[in-house]
């Protein structure tokens, strides 16, 4: 899966169409259609979460979205950007007073270290989500073992 709003919309729309026409697709003899039919809900959820992570990464078909406008600005007085609401003395290079509302500021795409920054962030984000998912699975396993009175299932 990838974090891109545009690709996520295409994937979610395709899966949504498969969900709408599931009665017709259920009896298809095409093996590829059958495999897609079996995974239609997973494909839909992958599309939805791709849209979500696309908003976090601020990307639409790999082009940065500028929904809220950048919180940084470049001036002729400094090589570095200063915060748009904190740039009284541009040579001080002060950060903005208010953060970007959702995801990454679009000015990151033009920086010299954007690839290093985004790859590092995406790796850390993936690890946090993966560990959270595993911990949730272990907790649900404990709840199931307690419910079915099978303590050996915990271990």
C-alpha atoms as a PDB file:
ATOM      1  CA  UNK A   1       0.000   0.000   0.000  1.00  0.00           C
ATOM      2  CA  UNK A   2       1.109   3.555  -0.590  1.00  0.00           C
ATOM      3  CA  UNK A   3       0.121   6.955   0.741  1.00  0.00           C
ATOM      4  CA  UNK A   4      -1.308   8.943  -2.144  1.00  0.00           C
ATOM      5  CA  UNK A   5      -4.740  10.553  -2.320  1.00  0.00           C
ATOM      6  CA  UNK A   6      -5.149  10.131  -6.093  1.00  0.00           C
ATOM      7  CA  UNK A   7      -4.122   6.484  -6.239  1.00  0.00           C
ATOM      8  CA  UNK A   8      -6.216   5.744  -3.159  1.00  0.00           C
ATOM      9  CA  UNK A   9      -9.307   7.261  -4.804  1.00  0.00           C
ATOM     10  CA  UNK A  10      -8.832   5.046  -7.863  1.00  0.00           C
ATOM     11  CA  UNK A  11      -8.347   1.927  -5.726  1.00  0.00           C
ATOM     12  CA  UNK A  12     -11.311   2.687  -3.444  1.00  0.00           C
ATOM     13  CA  UNK A  13     -13.566   3.519  -6.418  1.00  0.00           C
ATOM     14  CA  UNK A  14     -12.631   0.269  -8.180  1.00  0.00           C
ATOM     15  CA  UNK A  15     -13.332  -1.778  -5.056  1.00  0.00           C
ATOM     16  CA  UNK A  16     -16.568   0.136  -4.432  1.00  0.00           C
ATOM     17  CA  UNK A  17     -17.745  -0.774  -7.931  1.00  0.00           C
ATOM     18  CA  UNK A  18     -16.912  -4.403  -7.214  1.00  0.00           C
ATOM     19  CA  UNK A  19     -18.966  -4.186  -4.012  1.00  0.00           C
ATOM     20  CA  UNK A  20     -21.891  -2.631  -5.897  1.00  0.00           C
ATOM     21  CA  UNK A  21     -21.862  -5.302  -8.608  1.00  0.00           C
ATOM     22  CA  UNK A  22     -20.970  -8.239  -6.363  1.00  0.00           C
ATOM     23  CA  UNK A  23     -24.034 -10.279  -7.398  1.00  0.00           C
ATOM     24  CA  UNK A  24     -22.870 -10.273 -11.028  1.00  0.00           C
ATOM     25  CA  UNK A  25     -19.223 -10.888 -10.200  1.00  0.00           C
ATOM     26  CA  UNK A  26     -19.934 -13.713  -7.782  1.00  0.00           C
ATOM     27  CA  UNK A  27     -20.470 -16.275 -10.559  1.00  0.00           C
ATOM     28  CA  UNK A  28     -17.712 -15.104 -12.902  1.00  0.00           C
ATOM     29  CA  UNK A  29     -15.595 -17.880 -14.412  1.00  0.00           C
ATOM     30  CA  UNK A  30     -12.534 -15.656 -14.799  1.00  0.00           C
ATOM     31  CA  UNK A  31      -9.951 -16.624 -12.181  1.00  0.00           C
ATOM     32  CA  UNK A  32      -8.524 -13.110 -11.852  1.00  0.00           C
ATOM     33  CA  UNK A  33     -11.986 -11.621 -11.324  1.00  0.00           C
ATOM     34  CA  UNK A  34     -12.692 -14.290  -8.689  1.00  0.00           C
ATOM     35  CA  UNK A  35      -9.509 -13.388  -6.782  1.00  0.00           C
ATOM     36  CA  UNK A  36     -10.368  -9.680  -6.908  1.00  0.00           C
ATOM     37  CA  UNK A  37     -13.923 -10.507  -5.859  1.00  0.00           C
ATOM     38  CA  UNK A  38     -12.677 -12.357  -2.784  1.00  0.00           C
ATOM     39  CA  UNK A  39     -10.562  -9.373  -1.734  1.00  0.00           C
ATOM     40  CA  UNK A  40     -12.998  -6.564  -2.619  1.00  0.00           C
ATOM     41  CA  UNK A  41     -13.433  -5.318   0.957  1.00  0.00           C
ATOM     42  CA  UNK A  42      -9.694  -5.430   1.673  1.00  0.00           C
ATOM     43  CA  UNK A  43      -9.017  -3.517  -1.556  1.00  0.00           C
ATOM     44  CA  UNK A  44     -11.619  -0.937  -0.549  1.00  0.00           C
ATOM     45  CA  UNK A  45     -10.045  -0.478   2.887  1.00  0.00           C
ATOM     46  CA  UNK A  46      -6.575  -0.233   1.330  1.00  0.00           C
ATOM     47  CA  UNK A  47      -7.893   2.563  -0.890  1.00  0.00           C
ATOM     48  CA  UNK A  48      -9.486   4.391   2.037  1.00  0.00           C
ATOM     49  CA  UNK A  49      -6.339   4.199   4.164  1.00  0.00           C
ATOM     50  CA  UNK A  50      -4.216   5.170   1.181  1.00  0.00           C
ATOM     51  CA  UNK A  51      -6.317   8.331   0.938  1.00  0.00           C
ATOM     52  CA  UNK A  52      -5.769   8.932   4.660  1.00  0.00           C
ATOM     53  CA  UNK A  53      -1.997   8.486   4.500  1.00  0.00           C
ATOM     54  CA  UNK A  54      -1.961  10.556   1.299  1.00  0.00           C
ATOM     55  CA  UNK A  55      -3.383  13.459   3.299  1.00  0.00           C
ATOM     56  CA  UNK A  56      -0.755  12.864   5.977  1.00  0.00           C
ATOM     57  CA  UNK A  57       2.040  12.790   3.351  1.00  0.00           C
ATOM     58  CA  UNK A  58       0.305  15.633   1.506  1.00  0.00           C
ATOM     59  CA  UNK A  59       0.464  13.945  -1.917  1.00  0.00           C
ATOM     60  CA  UNK A  60      -1.930  13.676  -4.860  1.00  0.00           C
ATOM     61  CA  UNK A  61      -0.424  11.571  -7.669  1.00  0.00           C
ATOM     62  CA  UNK A  62       3.031  12.376  -6.194  1.00  0.00           C
ATOM     63  CA  UNK A  63       2.402  16.130  -6.406  1.00  0.00           C
ATOM     64  CA  UNK A  64       2.273  18.020  -3.105  1.00  0.00           C
ATOM     65  CA  UNK A  65      -1.150  19.350  -2.156  1.00  0.00           C
ATOM     66  CA  UNK A  66      -1.244  22.981  -1.085  1.00  0.00           C
ATOM     67  CA  UNK A  67      -4.599  22.987   0.673  1.00  0.00           C
ATOM     68  CA  UNK A  68      -3.806  25.355   3.549  1.00  0.00           C
ATOM     69  CA  UNK A  69      -0.876  27.281   2.067  1.00  0.00           C
ATOM     70  CA  UNK A  70       2.673  26.936   3.321  1.00  0.00           C
ATOM     71  CA  UNK A  71       3.645  28.122   6.783  1.00  0.00           C
ATOM     72  CA  UNK A  72       7.114  29.106   5.497  1.00  0.00           C
ATOM     73  CA  UNK A  73       8.334  31.789   3.108  1.00  0.00           C
ATOM     74  CA  UNK A  74      11.604  32.616   1.432  1.00  0.00           C
ATOM     75  CA  UNK A  75      12.994  36.151   1.463  1.00  0.00           C
ATOM     76  CA  UNK A  76      15.912  37.785  -0.308  1.00  0.00           C
ATOM     77  CA  UNK A  77      17.586  38.474   3.051  1.00  0.00           C
ATOM     78  CA  UNK A  78      18.270  34.822   3.901  1.00  0.00           C
ATOM     79  CA  UNK A  79      18.999  31.533   2.128  1.00  0.00           C
ATOM     80  CA  UNK A  80      16.641  29.734   4.488  1.00  0.00           C
ATOM     81  CA  UNK A  81      12.893  30.089   4.898  1.00  0.00           C
ATOM     82  CA  UNK A  82      11.321  31.709   7.913  1.00  0.00           C
ATOM     83  CA  UNK A  83       7.877  31.243   9.413  1.00  0.00           C
ATOM     84  CA  UNK A  84       5.210  33.176   7.546  1.00  0.00           C
ATOM     85  CA  UNK A  85       3.798  34.631  10.784  1.00  0.00           C
ATOM     86  CA  UNK A  86       7.193  34.994  12.502  1.00  0.00           C
ATOM     87  CA  UNK A  87       9.377  36.669   9.889  1.00  0.00           C
ATOM     88  CA  UNK A  88       9.918  40.184  11.277  1.00  0.00           C
ATOM     89  CA  UNK A  89      13.694  39.715  10.994  1.00  0.00           C
ATOM     90  CA  UNK A  90      14.215  37.168   8.140  1.00  0.00           C
ATOM     91  CA  UNK A  91      17.898  36.636   8.935  1.00  0.00           C
ATOM     92  CA  UNK A  92      16.936  35.068  12.294  1.00  0.00           C
ATOM     93  CA  UNK A  93      15.130  32.210  10.451  1.00  0.00           C
ATOM     94  CA  UNK A  94      12.456  31.660  13.105  1.00  0.00           C
ATOM     95  CA  UNK A  95       9.895  28.849  12.732  1.00  0.00           C
ATOM     96  CA  UNK A  96       6.196  29.578  12.203  1.00  0.00           C
ATOM     97  CA  UNK A  97       4.077  30.225  15.280  1.00  0.00           C
ATOM     98  CA  UNK A  98       1.347  27.803  14.155  1.00  0.00           C
ATOM     99  CA  UNK A  99       2.009  24.361  12.633  1.00  0.00           C
ATOM    100  CA  UNK A 100       0.597  23.108   9.351  1.00  0.00           C
ATOM    101  CA  UNK A 101      -2.955  21.855  10.109  1.00  0.00           C
ATOM    102  CA  UNK A 102      -2.785  18.382   8.495  1.00  0.00           C
ATOM    103  CA  UNK A 103       0.173  16.408   7.215  1.00  0.00           C
ATOM    104  CA  UNK A 104       3.364  17.918   5.865  1.00  0.00           C
ATOM    105  CA  UNK A 105       3.895  21.469   4.748  1.00  0.00           C
ATOM    106  CA  UNK A 106       4.133  21.465   0.916  1.00  0.00           C
ATOM    107  CA  UNK A 107       7.392  23.420   1.039  1.00  0.00           C
ATOM    108  CA  UNK A 108       9.147  20.214   2.187  1.00  0.00           C
ATOM    109  CA  UNK A 109       8.955  18.854  -1.369  1.00  0.00           C
ATOM    110  CA  UNK A 110      11.260  21.612  -2.572  1.00  0.00           C
ATOM    111  CA  UNK A 111      13.900  21.216   0.121  1.00  0.00           C
ATOM    112  CA  UNK A 112      17.307  19.662  -0.524  1.00  0.00           C
ATOM    113  CA  UNK A 113      16.821  16.914   2.046  1.00  0.00           C
ATOM    114  CA  UNK A 114      13.196  16.058   1.209  1.00  0.00           C
ATOM    115  CA  UNK A 115      13.908  12.483   0.088  1.00  0.00           C
ATOM    116  CA  UNK A 116      15.922  11.711   3.223  1.00  0.00           C
ATOM    117  CA  UNK A 117      13.293  13.305   5.460  1.00  0.00           C
ATOM    118  CA  UNK A 118      10.267  11.618   3.863  1.00  0.00           C
ATOM    119  CA  UNK A 119      11.855   8.163   3.670  1.00  0.00           C
ATOM    120  CA  UNK A 120      12.900   8.395   7.311  1.00  0.00           C
ATOM    121  CA  UNK A 121       9.422   9.537   8.370  1.00  0.00           C
ATOM    122  CA  UNK A 122       7.608   6.880   6.341  1.00  0.00           C
ATOM    123  CA  UNK A 123       9.799   4.117   7.795  1.00  0.00           C
ATOM    124  CA  UNK A 124       9.176   5.294  11.357  1.00  0.00           C
ATOM    125  CA  UNK A 125       5.442   5.700  10.688  1.00  0.00           C
ATOM    126  CA  UNK A 126       5.261   2.169   9.261  1.00  0.00           C
ATOM    127  CA  UNK A 127       7.035   0.704  12.282  1.00  0.00           C
ATOM    128  CA  UNK A 128       4.740   2.511  14.730  1.00  0.00           C
ATOM    129  CA  UNK A 129       1.611   1.363  12.867  1.00  0.00           C
ATOM    130  CA  UNK A 130       2.934  -2.221  12.594  1.00  0.00           C
ATOM    131  CA  UNK A 131       3.845  -2.504  16.270  1.00  0.00           C
ATOM    132  CA  UNK A 132       0.489  -0.980  17.252  1.00  0.00           C
ATOM    133  CA  UNK A 133      -1.314  -3.527  15.108  1.00  0.00           C
ATOM    134  CA  UNK A 134       0.636  -6.417  16.660  1.00  0.00           C
ATOM    135  CA  UNK A 135      -0.039  -5.180  20.211  1.00  0.00           C
ATOM    136  CA  UNK A 136      -3.745  -4.874  19.390  1.00  0.00           C
ATOM    137  CA  UNK A 137      -3.702  -8.455  18.050  1.00  0.00           C
ATOM    138  CA  UNK A 138      -2.085  -9.745  21.239  1.00  0.00           C
ATOM    139  CA  UNK A 139      -4.614  -7.876  23.396  1.00  0.00           C
ATOM    140  CA  UNK A 140      -7.514  -9.275  21.375  1.00  0.00           C
ATOM    141  CA  UNK A 141      -5.996 -12.752  21.687  1.00  0.00           C
ATOM    142  CA  UNK A 142      -5.958 -12.367  25.481  1.00  0.00           C
ATOM    143  CA  UNK A 143      -9.578 -11.199  25.472  1.00  0.00           C
ATOM    144  CA  UNK A 144     -10.590 -14.188  23.318  1.00  0.00           C
ATOM    145  CA  UNK A 145      -8.697 -16.637  25.542  1.00  0.00           C
ATOM    146  CA  UNK A 146     -10.394 -15.216  28.630  1.00  0.00           C
ATOM    147  CA  UNK A 147     -13.831 -15.282  26.968  1.00  0.00           C
ATOM    148  CA  UNK A 148     -13.509 -18.898  25.822  1.00  0.00           C
ATOM    149  CA  UNK A 149     -11.814 -19.896  29.122  1.00  0.00           C
ATOM    150  CA  UNK A 150      -8.723 -21.247  27.375  1.00  0.00           C
ATOM    151  CA  UNK A 151      -5.726 -19.701  29.205  1.00  0.00           C
ATOM    152  CA  UNK A 152      -3.262 -21.757  27.180  1.00  0.00           C
ATOM    153  CA  UNK A 153      -4.192 -19.691  24.087  1.00  0.00           C
ATOM    154  CA  UNK A 154      -2.561 -16.630  25.639  1.00  0.00           C
ATOM    155  CA  UNK A 155       0.843 -18.268  25.547  1.00  0.00           C
END
